[in-house]
Amino acid sequence: MPDHILICWVGQTDLRAVAEAATNGVGPIAQAIAARAYEEAVLLCNYPEAEGAGYVRWLRKRAPNTTLTLRHEQLTSPVNFAEIHPAAVRAIEDARKRHPNAELTFHLSPGTPAMSAIWIILAKTRFPAELLESSREHGVRTASVPFEMSADFIPDLLRVPDERLEALSGGAPPAAPEFADIVHRSPAMARVVQRARLVAPRRVPVLIEGESGTGKELLARAIHRSGPRREREFVAVNCGAIPAELVESQLFGHEKGAFTGAVQAREGYFEAANGGTLFLDEVGELPLSAQVKMLRAVQEGEVVRVGATYPRKVDVRIVAATNRTLATEVRAGRFREDLFYRLAVAVLRLPPLHQRTGDVGLLVDHFLAAINEESRTEPGYVPKKLAPGARNALLGHAWPGNVRELASTLRRAAIWTPGDTIKAEDVREALLESTRGAGGAGRDVLGRALGEGFSLSELLNEVARHYLERALAESNGNKSEAARLVGLPSYQTLSNWMARHGVERAK
């Protein structure tokens, strides 16, 4: 007969049972061991070692026939999937070494919802196991997962290996190290990177659209480094920073004496990038007069310097970027339609950070590691880590400035934090006033990143508190007037809302 092994996290209810079993019950773990026979129970514990050891001593008296194995796992947060998953896998693999043919049971009731989610994923994929749940009201029973783990319902995370195989069989290029600097795991960014890798070896122009701070130049450089021109120049030009009267001279060059101050001939950016890649950032800012000459340069592969009478051949690969939507600019008459269609051969649209589900936490870790590495030789710098509250504050922010804002905020927080741990208040102080959400409620509320750190109930509570406090402040504490301002029928209803959302007085 195979051994039966129970594996679970120790929860707060289990620990309280040591002192409160008579009044509040024995807790889910003791309840399960009393109801079913297990040769061993493997208990993962994120609480202080003394509490875990005390619980095992108490439980051993109740389950003398079950071997109890306590595993202390230090988690930065009890909802950190990236830490919970490997801790659970280690416990399972260690138990299987001792019991090669064991039948596994994972207990869902103790611990956090994140811990339960990991047990479900592992039981339905890598380590087949019975899932158990228990309560004082219903006793111990096998958990009924409310859907089949079929191909139609498997989370995207579990489909990634199959998608990679499909991409390779369909002729997609293998992973390119040139794109390694683009930190991501969201499907939205994965699609953009996949398309960028496909177009990188081609000669066609690329147009990258996206909000400021989304990483347009980073993507352009990756395309250049991954293409056949990687050994030649990558010339980056900010079109919006060139004075209108100098645009043609800067882009196409000028001859000596072409205008006042032209004391010698000068090549423009097109000639400087000959054989390589010309990155035209904020191309939507170009004046219409320069767009005419730009069209010829792109279409004919030649430029005419200011003051010259003959063209010069150039061979450049154009990668353009803009934080505008060029099709809209064309309809408004601010951008030439013929130039638009020359540039928009391969169009890549970078999503804003709030649409990149799951990427914020990854970027936080990436940037913090980079900041610690860059600053380690600076006098007095202490390497930083994030407190759970600080991480939640970062994950919950809307990041209207996108990746650039996130990187700058972390750098400021690291500078202002004297110790080794960045706390939630350090993050809040590092956020620039215009991005904290108080003034930009629409973007902040409707544009927050889903996934890690997002809680709909917390968001709704935050919105309710905000407007209740505003109404009380604007009515000078008059509850009847405050109720009218927020559309509630009476001051009694307002009082109920205040109690529900923890609002005590006008601020």
Protein backbone atom coordinates (compact mmCIF):
# COMPACT_ATOMS: atom_id res chain seq x y z
CA MET A 1 0.00 0.00 0.00
CA PRO A 2 1.35 3.45 -0.86
CA ASP A 3 2.00 5.94 1.91
CA HIS A 4 -0.38 8.86 2.23
CA ILE A 5 1.31 12.22 2.68
CA LEU A 6 -0.40 15.49 3.64
CA ILE A 7 1.38 18.71 2.62
CA CYS A 8 0.16 22.18 3.56
CA TRP A 9 1.03 25.59 4.95
CA VAL A 10 0.47 26.36 8.62
CA GLY A 11 -2.19 29.08 8.93
CA GLN A 12 -3.09 31.57 11.61
CA THR A 13 -6.14 29.51 12.60
CA ASP A 14 -3.89 26.50 13.24
CA LEU A 15 -1.57 28.52 15.46
CA ARG A 16 -4.46 29.98 17.45
CA ALA A 17 -5.74 26.45 18.12
CA VAL A 18 -2.80 25.85 20.49
CA ALA A 19 -4.42 28.20 23.01
CA GLU A 20 -8.04 28.37 21.78
CA ALA A 21 -8.91 24.82 20.67
CA ALA A 22 -11.64 24.48 23.27
CA THR A 23 -13.49 27.55 22.06
CA ASN A 24 -12.52 28.03 18.40
CA GLY A 25 -11.75 24.50 17.25
CA VAL A 26 -8.51 22.62 16.47
CA GLY A 27 -7.84 24.25 13.12
CA PRO A 28 -7.79 22.80 9.58
CA ILE A 29 -4.59 20.74 9.87
CA ALA A 30 -5.47 18.92 13.09
CA GLN A 31 -9.00 18.43 11.76
CA ALA A 32 -7.68 16.76 8.59
CA ILE A 33 -5.22 14.49 10.41
CA ALA A 34 -7.96 13.38 12.83
CA ALA A 35 -10.36 12.60 9.96
CA ARG A 36 -7.95 10.74 7.66
CA ALA A 37 -4.89 8.59 8.16
CA TYR A 38 -1.54 10.00 6.97
CA GLU A 39 1.88 8.46 7.42
CA GLU A 40 3.46 11.92 7.29
CA ALA A 41 2.30 15.52 7.37
CA VAL A 42 4.70 18.07 5.87
CA LEU A 43 4.00 21.51 7.34
CA LEU A 44 5.38 24.63 5.67
CA CYS A 45 5.57 27.58 8.06
CA ASN A 46 6.21 31.25 7.36
CA TYR A 47 5.75 32.26 11.00
CA PRO A 48 8.56 32.65 13.57
CA GLU A 49 10.35 29.38 14.29
CA ALA A 50 9.25 29.35 17.95
CA GLU A 51 5.58 29.52 16.93
CA GLY A 52 6.00 26.74 14.39
CA ALA A 53 7.84 24.50 16.83
CA GLY A 54 5.20 25.13 19.52
CA TYR A 55 2.43 24.18 17.13
CA VAL A 56 4.14 20.91 16.15
CA ARG A 57 4.56 19.97 19.83
CA TRP A 58 0.83 20.60 20.36
CA LEU A 59 -0.19 18.73 17.21
CA ARG A 60 2.03 15.74 18.00
CA LYS A 61 -0.03 15.05 21.13
CA ARG A 62 -3.16 14.92 18.97
CA ALA A 63 -1.61 12.87 16.15
CA PRO A 64 0.88 10.42 17.69
CA ASN A 65 0.71 8.06 14.68
CA THR A 66 1.60 10.69 12.07
CA THR A 67 5.16 11.79 11.42
CA LEU A 68 5.26 15.59 11.48
CA THR A 69 7.88 17.40 9.37
CA LEU A 70 8.14 21.15 9.90
CA ARG A 71 9.72 23.26 7.12
CA HIS A 72 10.41 26.91 7.89
CA GLU A 73 10.12 29.07 4.75
CA GLN A 74 10.90 32.77 5.00
CA LEU A 75 8.61 34.70 2.63
CA THR A 76 8.77 38.45 2.10
CA SER A 77 5.00 38.30 1.73
CA PRO A 78 2.45 35.48 2.23
CA VAL A 79 0.97 36.36 -1.17
CA ASN A 80 4.23 36.38 -3.13
CA PHE A 81 3.64 33.71 -5.79
CA ALA A 82 7.30 33.80 -6.86
CA GLU A 83 8.36 32.64 -3.38
CA ILE A 84 5.42 30.39 -2.51
CA HIS A 85 5.76 28.25 -5.64
CA PRO A 86 9.41 27.15 -5.21
CA ALA A 87 8.88 26.56 -1.47
CA ALA A 88 5.96 24.24 -2.24
CA VAL A 89 7.90 22.41 -4.96
CA ARG A 90 10.86 21.86 -2.62
CA ALA A 91 8.59 20.38 0.03
CA ILE A 92 6.89 18.05 -2.46
CA GLU A 93 10.14 16.83 -4.02
CA ASP A 94 11.70 16.24 -0.61
CA ALA A 95 8.64 14.23 0.52
CA ARG A 96 8.73 12.12 -2.66
CA LYS A 97 12.35 11.21 -2.01
CA ARG A 98 11.29 9.71 1.32
CA HIS A 99 8.11 8.17 -0.11
CA PRO A 100 8.66 7.42 -3.84
CA ASN A 101 5.21 5.88 -4.38
CA ALA A 102 3.24 8.08 -2.05
CA GLU A 103 -0.24 9.43 -2.69
CA LEU A 104 -0.14 13.16 -2.09
CA THR A 105 -2.77 15.40 -0.56
CA PHE A 106 -2.55 19.19 -0.57
CA HIS A 107 -4.64 21.01 2.04
CA LEU A 108 -6.16 24.25 0.66
CA SER A 109 -7.70 25.66 3.82
CA PRO A 110 -4.65 26.74 5.85
CA GLY A 111 -2.68 29.75 4.61
CA THR A 112 -3.45 32.52 2.12
CA PRO A 113 -5.43 32.37 -1.15
CA ALA A 114 -2.13 32.64 -3.02
CA MET A 115 -0.88 29.49 -1.29
CA SER A 116 -4.11 27.68 -2.18
CA ALA A 117 -3.79 28.76 -5.82
CA ILE A 118 -0.29 27.28 -6.02
CA TRP A 119 -1.52 23.95 -4.58
CA ILE A 120 -4.28 23.80 -7.21
CA ILE A 121 -1.87 24.53 -10.08
CA LEU A 122 0.66 21.95 -8.86
CA ALA A 123 -1.99 19.28 -8.24
CA LYS A 124 -3.48 19.70 -11.73
CA THR A 125 -0.17 19.85 -13.60
CA ARG A 126 3.15 18.73 -12.17
CA PHE A 127 2.31 16.74 -9.03
CA PRO A 128 -1.05 14.91 -9.22
CA ALA A 129 -2.63 15.09 -5.78
CA GLU A 130 -5.91 15.12 -3.91
CA LEU A 131 -7.04 18.59 -2.87
CA LEU A 132 -8.51 18.87 0.60
CA GLU A 133 -10.57 21.54 2.35
CA SER A 134 -11.96 21.65 5.86
CA SER A 135 -14.10 23.83 8.08
CA ARG A 136 -15.86 23.60 11.43
CA GLU A 137 -19.24 23.71 9.68
CA HIS A 138 -18.66 21.10 6.95
CA GLY A 139 -15.82 18.99 8.28
CA VAL A 140 -13.09 17.54 6.03
CA ARG A 141 -13.80 16.86 2.37
CA THR A 142 -12.14 16.60 -1.00
CA ALA A 143 -12.14 20.01 -2.67
CA SER A 144 -14.24 20.34 -5.80
CA VAL A 145 -12.44 22.65 -8.22
CA PRO A 146 -15.24 24.52 -10.05
CA PHE A 147 -13.91 23.89 -13.56
CA GLU A 148 -12.02 21.27 -15.52
CA MET A 149 -8.35 21.98 -16.07
CA SER A 150 -8.77 21.39 -19.82
CA ALA A 151 -7.03 23.18 -22.66
CA ASP A 152 -9.89 25.68 -22.77
CA PHE A 153 -9.27 26.88 -19.23
CA ILE A 154 -5.55 26.43 -18.57
CA PRO A 155 -4.04 29.78 -17.55
CA ASP A 156 -1.83 31.52 -20.08
CA LEU A 157 1.16 30.83 -17.87
CA LEU A 158 0.75 27.10 -18.38
CA ARG A 159 0.32 27.48 -22.15
CA VAL A 160 3.63 29.27 -22.66
CA PRO A 161 5.75 26.16 -23.44
CA ASP A 162 3.23 24.97 -26.06
CA GLU A 163 3.04 28.44 -27.60
CA ARG A 164 6.82 28.54 -27.91
CA LEU A 165 6.81 25.17 -29.68
CA GLU A 166 4.09 26.39 -32.03
CA ALA A 167 6.06 29.55 -32.79
CA LEU A 168 9.19 27.58 -33.61
CA SER A 169 7.32 25.11 -35.81
CA GLY A 170 5.74 28.08 -37.62
CA GLY A 171 9.09 29.49 -38.60
CA ALA A 172 9.48 32.16 -35.92
CA PRO A 173 13.07 33.06 -35.06
CA PRO A 174 14.55 31.64 -31.84
CA ALA A 175 14.93 33.87 -28.81
CA ALA A 176 17.34 36.70 -29.58
CA PRO A 177 19.71 37.90 -26.83
CA GLU A 178 19.50 41.40 -28.32
CA PHE A 179 15.98 41.66 -26.86
CA ALA A 180 17.00 40.52 -23.37
CA ASP A 181 16.99 44.10 -22.05
CA ILE A 182 13.25 44.34 -22.71
CA VAL A 183 12.06 42.92 -19.40
CA HIS A 184 8.59 41.44 -19.70
CA ARG A 185 6.36 38.42 -19.26
CA SER A 186 2.96 39.88 -20.17
CA PRO A 187 1.26 38.57 -23.31
CA ALA A 188 0.86 42.16 -24.56
CA MET A 189 4.62 42.81 -24.57
CA ALA A 190 5.43 39.28 -25.74
CA ARG A 191 3.45 39.92 -28.93
CA VAL A 192 5.32 43.18 -29.58
CA VAL A 193 8.73 41.58 -29.03
CA GLN A 194 7.81 38.62 -31.23
CA ARG A 195 6.87 40.95 -34.08
CA ALA A 196 9.99 43.04 -33.56
CA ARG A 197 12.15 39.90 -33.85
CA LEU A 198 10.37 38.98 -37.08
CA VAL A 199 10.96 42.38 -38.69
CA ALA A 200 14.51 42.92 -37.38
CA PRO A 201 16.28 41.04 -40.24
CA ARG A 202 14.30 42.91 -42.91
CA ARG A 203 15.14 46.19 -44.66
CA VAL A 204 11.66 47.70 -44.31
CA PRO A 205 11.00 50.85 -42.23
CA VAL A 206 9.55 50.35 -38.76
CA LEU A 207 7.16 52.70 -36.97
CA ILE A 208 6.95 52.36 -33.17
CA GLU A 209 3.98 54.03 -31.49
CA GLY A 210 3.51 54.31 -27.76
CA GLU A 211 3.13 56.68 -24.84
CA SER A 212 6.16 58.52 -23.47
CA GLY A 213 8.26 56.27 -21.25
CA THR A 214 7.17 52.94 -22.75
CA GLY A 215 10.65 52.11 -24.11
CA LYS A 216 10.47 52.98 -27.79
CA GLU A 217 14.20 53.67 -28.18
CA LEU A 218 15.09 50.50 -26.25
CA LEU A 219 13.01 48.49 -28.72
CA ALA A 220 14.54 50.33 -31.69
CA ARG A 221 18.08 49.54 -30.50
CA ALA A 222 17.17 45.87 -30.04
CA ILE A 223 15.84 45.74 -33.61
CA HIS A 224 19.09 47.29 -34.87
CA ARG A 225 21.33 44.93 -32.85
CA SER A 226 19.33 41.91 -34.03
CA GLY A 227 19.49 42.85 -37.72
CA PRO A 228 22.14 42.65 -40.46
CA ARG A 229 23.27 46.25 -39.80
CA ARG A 230 24.32 45.54 -36.23
CA GLU A 231 27.99 46.36 -36.96
CA ARG A 232 27.14 49.78 -38.42
CA GLU A 233 25.98 53.01 -36.80
CA PHE A 234 22.76 53.46 -34.86
CA VAL A 235 22.04 57.20 -35.01
CA ALA A 236 19.28 58.46 -32.70
CA VAL A 237 17.63 61.80 -33.45
CA ASN A 238 15.00 63.55 -31.34
CA CYS A 239 13.01 65.33 -34.03
CA GLY A 240 11.05 67.32 -31.45
CA ALA A 241 14.22 68.86 -30.00
CA ILE A 242 15.52 70.37 -33.28
CA PRO A 243 14.55 74.04 -33.87
CA ALA A 244 12.26 74.31 -36.90
CA GLU A 245 14.71 76.50 -38.83
CA LEU A 246 17.50 73.90 -38.42
CA VAL A 247 15.57 70.69 -39.13
CA GLU A 248 16.63 70.36 -42.79
CA SER A 249 20.26 71.21 -42.06
CA GLN A 250 20.41 68.72 -39.16
CA LEU A 251 18.75 65.88 -41.07
CA PHE A 252 20.16 66.35 -44.56
CA GLY A 253 23.34 68.40 -43.99
CA HIS A 254 24.42 71.69 -45.58
CA GLU A 255 27.12 73.11 -47.81
CA LYS A 256 29.58 75.80 -46.82
CA GLY A 257 27.95 79.23 -47.14
CA ALA A 258 24.43 77.83 -47.47
CA PHE A 259 23.27 80.24 -44.76
CA THR A 260 24.72 82.62 -42.21
CA GLY A 261 26.99 80.68 -39.88
CA ALA A 262 27.56 77.78 -42.27
CA VAL A 263 31.33 78.25 -42.28
CA GLN A 264 31.97 74.72 -43.49
CA ALA A 265 30.12 71.84 -45.08
CA ARG A 266 28.44 69.41 -42.72
CA GLU A 267 26.83 66.03 -43.23
CA GLY A 268 23.39 65.45 -41.76
CA TYR A 269 22.02 62.59 -39.74
CA PHE A 270 21.03 60.61 -42.85
CA GLU A 271 24.62 60.58 -44.10
CA ALA A 272 25.98 59.86 -40.60
CA ALA A 273 23.78 56.75 -40.44
CA ASN A 274 24.72 55.55 -43.96
CA GLY A 275 24.84 51.74 -43.92
CA GLY A 276 23.24 51.61 -40.50
CA THR A 277 19.99 52.55 -38.74
CA LEU A 278 18.52 56.03 -38.32
CA PHE A 279 16.17 56.27 -35.35
CA LEU A 280 13.79 59.21 -35.74
CA ASP A 281 12.28 59.72 -32.31
CA GLU A 282 9.13 61.86 -32.07
CA VAL A 283 8.85 61.90 -35.86
CA GLY A 284 5.36 63.36 -35.52
CA GLU A 285 6.94 66.68 -34.43
CA LEU A 286 8.57 67.29 -37.84
CA PRO A 287 7.28 70.39 -39.66
CA LEU A 288 5.48 69.76 -42.94
CA SER A 289 8.27 71.44 -44.95
CA ALA A 290 10.80 68.91 -43.65
CA GLN A 291 8.41 66.02 -44.26
CA VAL A 292 8.57 66.69 -48.03
CA LYS A 293 12.33 66.17 -48.13
CA MET A 294 12.03 63.27 -45.70
CA LEU A 295 9.73 61.50 -48.13
CA ARG A 296 12.31 61.73 -50.91
CA ALA A 297 15.08 60.48 -48.63
CA VAL A 298 13.01 57.45 -47.61
CA GLN A 299 11.56 56.77 -51.04
CA GLU A 300 14.58 57.41 -53.28
CA GLY A 301 17.42 56.70 -50.87
CA GLU A 302 19.04 60.11 -51.46
CA VAL A 303 19.34 63.48 -49.73
CA VAL A 304 20.11 66.97 -50.94
CA ARG A 305 22.12 69.09 -48.54
CA VAL A 306 20.93 72.63 -47.89
CA GLY A 307 22.65 74.82 -50.48
CA ALA A 308 23.54 71.88 -52.76
CA THR A 309 22.30 71.25 -56.29
CA TYR A 310 22.86 67.51 -56.52
CA PRO A 311 21.64 64.56 -54.43
CA ARG A 312 23.78 62.18 -52.39
CA LYS A 313 22.94 58.49 -52.18
CA VAL A 314 22.32 57.12 -48.68
CA ASP A 315 21.52 53.59 -47.48
CA VAL A 316 19.76 53.77 -44.13
CA ARG A 317 17.21 51.66 -42.37
CA ILE A 318 14.55 53.95 -40.86
CA VAL A 319 13.05 53.19 -37.45
CA ALA A 320 10.67 55.98 -36.44
CA ALA A 321 8.88 56.47 -33.15
CA THR A 322 6.12 58.73 -31.87
CA ASN A 323 3.93 59.17 -28.81
CA ARG A 324 1.16 60.31 -31.13
CA THR A 325 -1.08 58.22 -33.36
CA LEU A 326 0.19 59.16 -36.81
CA ALA A 327 -3.01 58.08 -38.56
CA THR A 328 -4.85 60.68 -36.48
CA GLU A 329 -2.19 63.28 -37.31
CA VAL A 330 -2.70 62.53 -41.01
CA ARG A 331 -6.46 63.07 -40.73
CA ALA A 332 -5.81 66.37 -38.93
CA GLY A 333 -3.49 67.53 -41.71
CA ARG A 334 -0.43 67.67 -39.46
CA PHE A 335 1.43 64.77 -41.08
CA ARG A 336 1.79 63.90 -44.76
CA GLU A 337 -0.19 60.85 -45.78
CA ASP A 338 2.41 59.72 -48.33
CA LEU A 339 5.21 59.88 -45.74
CA PHE A 340 3.06 58.05 -43.22
CA TYR A 341 2.59 55.08 -45.56
CA ARG A 342 6.34 55.02 -46.30
CA LEU A 343 7.21 54.85 -42.61
CA ALA A 344 4.34 52.63 -41.44
CA VAL A 345 5.39 49.44 -43.20
CA ALA A 346 5.93 47.50 -39.97
CA VAL A 347 3.98 49.13 -37.14
CA LEU A 348 4.69 48.15 -33.53
CA ARG A 349 2.48 49.57 -30.79
CA LEU A 350 4.01 49.47 -27.32
CA PRO A 351 1.34 49.09 -24.62
CA PRO A 352 1.35 51.44 -21.61
CA LEU A 353 2.62 49.87 -18.41
CA HIS A 354 -0.86 49.62 -16.87
CA GLN A 355 -1.82 47.21 -19.68
CA ARG A 356 1.21 44.96 -19.16
CA THR A 357 -0.30 42.53 -16.67
CA GLY A 358 2.39 40.95 -14.49
CA ASP A 359 5.27 43.12 -15.75
CA VAL A 360 5.42 45.68 -12.95
CA GLY A 361 6.79 43.27 -10.33
CA LEU A 362 9.33 41.93 -12.79
CA LEU A 363 10.48 45.46 -13.69
CA VAL A 364 10.67 46.46 -10.02
CA ASP A 365 13.08 43.59 -9.29
CA HIS A 366 15.08 44.32 -12.46
CA PHE A 367 15.49 48.04 -11.74
CA LEU A 368 16.24 47.59 -8.04
CA ALA A 369 18.97 45.05 -8.83
CA ALA A 370 20.43 47.45 -11.41
CA ILE A 371 20.33 50.37 -8.95
CA ASN A 372 22.08 48.30 -6.27
CA GLU A 373 24.76 47.21 -8.75
CA GLU A 374 25.35 50.72 -10.11
CA SER A 375 25.50 52.27 -6.64
CA ARG A 376 27.56 49.68 -4.77
CA THR A 377 30.81 51.68 -5.17
CA GLU A 378 29.23 54.98 -4.08
CA PRO A 379 30.28 56.13 -0.59
CA GLY A 380 27.83 55.11 2.10
CA TYR A 381 25.38 53.35 -0.18
CA VAL A 382 23.56 50.42 1.41
CA PRO A 383 22.00 47.86 -0.99
CA LYS A 384 18.22 48.15 -0.84
CA LYS A 385 15.42 45.63 -0.58
CA LEU A 386 11.66 46.21 -0.62
CA ALA A 387 9.33 45.81 2.31
CA PRO A 388 6.05 44.04 1.39
CA GLY A 389 4.14 47.30 1.80
CA ALA A 390 6.51 49.10 -0.56
CA ARG A 391 6.11 46.41 -3.20
CA ASN A 392 2.32 46.61 -2.90
CA ALA A 393 2.46 50.40 -3.28
CA LEU A 394 4.52 50.02 -6.46
CA LEU A 395 2.25 47.31 -7.85
CA GLY A 396 -0.88 49.34 -7.14
CA HIS A 397 0.26 52.58 -8.80
CA ALA A 398 -1.11 53.43 -12.27
CA TRP A 399 2.29 54.58 -13.67
CA PRO A 400 1.08 57.25 -16.11
CA GLY A 401 4.75 57.88 -16.92
CA ASN A 402 5.16 54.18 -17.74
CA VAL A 403 8.49 52.33 -17.38
CA ARG A 404 10.52 55.54 -17.21
CA GLU A 405 8.49 56.78 -14.24
CA LEU A 406 8.83 53.43 -12.45
CA ALA A 407 12.63 53.41 -12.86
CA SER A 408 12.96 57.03 -11.68
CA THR A 409 10.68 56.46 -8.69
CA LEU A 410 12.72 53.45 -7.53
CA ARG A 411 15.94 55.41 -7.93
CA ARG A 412 14.57 58.29 -5.82
CA ALA A 413 13.30 55.87 -3.17
CA ALA A 414 16.72 54.21 -3.00
CA ILE A 415 18.41 57.60 -2.55
CA TRP A 416 16.06 58.86 0.17
CA THR A 417 16.05 55.59 2.16
CA PRO A 418 18.97 55.61 4.65
CA GLY A 419 18.68 51.96 5.71
CA ASP A 420 18.52 48.75 3.71
CA THR A 421 14.73 48.47 3.40
CA ILE A 422 12.52 50.68 1.25
CA LYS A 423 9.16 51.05 3.00
CA ALA A 424 5.72 52.02 1.69
CA GLU A 425 6.09 55.60 2.91
CA ASP A 426 9.42 55.87 1.07
CA VAL A 427 7.67 54.88 -2.17
CA ARG A 428 4.86 57.36 -1.61
CA GLU A 429 7.36 60.16 -0.98
CA ALA A 430 9.31 59.19 -4.10
CA LEU A 431 6.24 59.45 -6.33
CA LEU A 432 6.01 62.83 -8.02
CA GLU A 433 3.00 64.87 -6.92
CA SER A 434 1.34 64.85 -10.34
CA THR A 435 1.32 61.04 -10.51
CA ARG A 436 0.05 60.14 -7.04
CA GLY A 437 -3.53 59.90 -8.18
CA ALA A 438 -5.16 62.55 -6.01
CA GLY A 439 -5.57 64.93 -8.90
CA GLY A 440 -5.77 62.44 -11.74
CA ALA A 441 -8.40 60.14 -10.33
CA GLY A 442 -9.80 59.07 -13.68
CA ARG A 443 -6.52 57.72 -15.03
CA ASP A 444 -5.44 56.42 -11.65
CA VAL A 445 -8.66 54.50 -10.98
CA LEU A 446 -9.41 53.26 -14.48
CA GLY A 447 -5.85 52.64 -15.60
CA ARG A 448 -4.33 50.54 -12.83
CA ALA A 449 -2.42 47.40 -13.71
CA LEU A 450 -4.30 44.15 -13.23
CA GLY A 451 -2.71 41.09 -11.65
CA GLU A 452 -0.06 41.43 -8.97
CA GLY A 453 -1.13 43.69 -6.11
CA PHE A 454 -4.50 44.62 -7.65
CA SER A 455 -7.55 44.33 -5.41
CA LEU A 456 -10.93 45.48 -6.71
CA SER A 457 -12.39 45.70 -3.19
CA GLU A 458 -9.47 47.85 -1.99
CA LEU A 459 -9.80 50.10 -5.02
CA LEU A 460 -13.54 50.58 -4.44
CA ASN A 461 -12.86 51.32 -0.76
CA GLU A 462 -10.24 53.87 -1.76
CA VAL A 463 -12.65 55.62 -4.14
CA ALA A 464 -15.43 55.65 -1.54
CA ARG A 465 -13.14 57.07 1.17
CA HIS A 466 -11.86 59.74 -1.20
CA TYR A 467 -15.32 61.09 -2.06
CA LEU A 468 -16.75 60.73 1.44
CA GLU A 469 -13.84 62.73 2.89
CA ARG A 470 -14.17 65.36 0.14
CA ALA A 471 -17.90 65.73 0.74
CA LEU A 472 -17.40 66.12 4.49
CA ALA A 473 -14.64 68.67 3.95
CA GLU A 474 -16.67 70.71 1.45
CA SER A 475 -19.73 70.65 3.72
CA ASN A 476 -17.70 71.60 6.81
CA GLY A 477 -18.74 68.36 8.47
CA ASN A 478 -22.48 68.76 7.84
CA LYS A 479 -23.55 65.17 7.19
CA SER A 480 -26.85 66.05 5.54
CA GLU A 481 -25.10 68.32 3.06
CA ALA A 482 -22.30 65.77 2.53
CA ALA A 483 -24.91 63.08 1.78
CA ARG A 484 -26.48 65.36 -0.82
CA LEU A 485 -23.08 66.03 -2.45
CA VAL A 486 -22.38 62.32 -2.99
CA GLY A 487 -25.94 61.39 -3.92
CA LEU A 488 -26.90 59.48 -0.77
CA PRO A 489 -30.50 59.74 0.48
CA SER A 490 -29.84 60.77 4.11
CA TYR A 491 -27.22 61.52 6.72
CA GLN A 492 -27.94 58.10 8.29
CA THR A 493 -26.95 56.40 5.02
CA LEU A 494 -23.83 58.58 4.90
CA SER A 495 -22.96 57.49 8.45
CA ASN A 496 -23.31 53.85 7.42
CA TRP A 497 -20.98 54.42 4.46
CA MET A 498 -18.48 56.21 6.70
CA ALA A 499 -18.45 53.32 9.15
CA ARG A 500 -18.12 50.75 6.35
CA HIS A 501 -15.15 52.51 4.77
CA GLY A 502 -13.40 53.71 7.91
CA VAL A 503 -14.06 57.42 7.50
CA GLU A 504 -14.29 59.05 10.93
CA ARG A 505 -14.34 62.77 10.28
CA ALA A 506 -13.81 65.50 7.74
CA LYS A 507 -10.20 66.03 6.71
